[in-house]
Protein backbone atom coordinates (compact mmCIF):
# COMPACT_ATOMS: atom_id res chain seq x y z
CA MET A 1 -54.06 -2.31 37.31
CA LYS A 2 -53.53 -5.07 38.95
CA ILE A 3 -56.02 -7.25 40.71
CA GLU A 4 -54.96 -10.37 42.64
CA GLY A 5 -56.46 -12.41 45.01
CA GLU A 6 -60.00 -10.84 44.82
CA LYS A 7 -63.34 -11.79 42.94
CA GLN A 8 -64.16 -8.94 40.84
CA ARG A 9 -67.05 -8.60 38.32
CA LEU A 10 -65.96 -6.20 35.94
CA GLU A 11 -67.58 -4.98 32.72
CA VAL A 12 -65.21 -3.29 30.38
CA ARG A 13 -67.14 -1.71 27.39
CA LYS A 14 -65.29 -0.08 24.23
CA ALA A 15 -61.83 -0.56 25.86
CA ASP A 16 -58.63 -1.26 25.15
CA VAL A 17 -57.09 -4.21 27.43
CA SER A 18 -54.39 -5.01 24.75
CA GLY A 19 -51.24 -6.39 26.75
CA SER A 20 -53.17 -7.76 30.09
CA VAL A 21 -52.14 -10.51 31.15
CA PHE A 22 -54.45 -13.13 32.75
CA GLU A 23 -53.26 -16.05 35.03
CA ASP A 24 -55.11 -18.64 37.12
CA VAL A 25 -58.20 -16.06 36.60
CA ASN A 26 -61.77 -17.19 36.40
CA LEU A 27 -63.62 -15.87 32.97
CA SER A 28 -66.44 -17.99 32.50
CA GLY A 29 -69.66 -16.78 30.80
CA GLY A 30 -68.11 -12.96 29.95
CA ASP A 31 -69.83 -11.39 26.51
CA TYR A 32 -67.18 -9.57 25.09
CA ARG A 33 -68.01 -7.43 21.94
CA ASN A 34 -65.76 -4.81 20.16
CA VAL A 35 -63.10 -5.72 22.86
CA ASN A 36 -59.11 -5.39 22.04
CA LEU A 37 -57.44 -8.25 23.62
CA SER A 38 -54.69 -8.02 21.18
CA GLY A 39 -50.94 -9.43 22.88
CA CYS A 40 -53.12 -9.90 25.70
CA SER A 41 -51.75 -13.38 27.39
CA PHE A 42 -54.00 -16.29 29.55
CA ASP A 43 -52.98 -18.65 31.53
CA ASP A 44 -54.69 -21.51 33.42
CA ALA A 45 -57.98 -19.43 32.89
CA ASN A 46 -61.42 -20.64 32.58
CA MET A 47 -63.27 -19.26 29.35
CA SER A 48 -66.10 -21.45 29.40
CA GLY A 49 -69.22 -20.32 27.99
CA TRP A 50 -67.31 -17.50 26.33
CA ARG A 51 -69.32 -15.33 23.68
CA VAL A 52 -67.32 -13.01 21.74
CA HIS A 53 -68.58 -10.70 18.71
CA ASN A 54 -66.89 -8.57 16.07
CA VAL A 55 -63.47 -9.90 17.34
CA ASN A 56 -59.76 -9.90 15.76
CA VAL A 57 -58.07 -13.14 17.17
CA SER A 58 -55.47 -13.28 13.90
CA GLY A 59 -52.30 -14.34 15.35
CA LEU A 60 -54.57 -16.25 18.25
CA ARG A 61 -52.52 -19.70 19.56
CA ILE A 62 -54.19 -22.24 21.40
CA GLU A 63 -52.37 -24.68 23.18
CA GLU A 64 -53.78 -27.54 25.82
CA ALA A 65 -57.02 -26.30 25.59
CA ASN A 66 -60.74 -28.13 25.74
CA LEU A 67 -62.71 -27.19 22.97
CA ALA A 68 -65.26 -29.20 23.50
CA GLY A 69 -68.54 -27.70 22.06
CA ALA A 70 -66.78 -24.96 21.02
CA SER A 71 -67.88 -23.43 17.72
CA ILE A 72 -67.05 -20.91 15.18
CA VAL A 73 -69.42 -19.27 12.80
CA LYS A 74 -68.95 -16.77 10.07
CA GLY A 75 -65.37 -16.26 10.83
CA ARG A 76 -62.20 -15.62 7.81
CA LEU A 77 -60.25 -18.84 8.69
CA ASP A 78 -58.06 -18.98 5.69
CA GLY A 79 -54.29 -19.23 7.33
CA MET A 80 -56.03 -21.01 10.27
CA THR A 81 -54.40 -24.34 10.91
CA ILE A 82 -55.42 -27.41 12.94
CA GLU A 83 -52.59 -29.47 14.55
CA GLY A 84 -50.63 -28.31 11.29
CA VAL A 85 -53.73 -28.51 8.76
CA PRO A 86 -55.17 -25.75 6.98
CA VAL A 87 -58.90 -25.54 7.90
CA THR A 88 -60.15 -24.33 4.50
CA ASP A 89 -58.29 -27.45 3.57
CA LEU A 90 -60.48 -29.99 6.04
CA LEU A 91 -63.15 -28.47 5.35
CA ALA A 92 -63.12 -28.19 1.64
CA PHE A 93 -62.14 -32.64 1.90
CA TRP A 94 -65.08 -32.67 4.41
CA ARG A 95 -67.48 -31.17 1.93
CA GLU A 96 -66.74 -32.39 -0.84
CA GLY A 97 -67.10 -35.99 0.87
CA HIS A 98 -70.18 -35.39 1.59
CA LYS A 99 -71.66 -33.64 -1.87
CA ALA A 100 -70.36 -36.96 -3.23
CA ALA A 101 -72.44 -39.21 -0.69
CA GLY A 102 -75.45 -37.07 -1.70
CA GLN A 103 -75.75 -35.28 1.83
């Protein structure tokens, strides 16, 4: 299905949209649960206000993104890096520093 030059509100549930391409789109305010987005490509997309729950984003690569205010809660982080540094190492270092400071 191709949608171009239109404003549409989509409700996608229990769907496999893997391999889809999203380019120059406004996807802000979305609430995505149990949707397969593997192999999807997002380029020049507004995803502000996104909420995702129970998603598999293994292999995800984020480049040149505004992550202000983003949060990850109860996520599996092994193998995840930020600027080449393992996130699990960053968190261990941060926790150790706060423990030593009595916080």
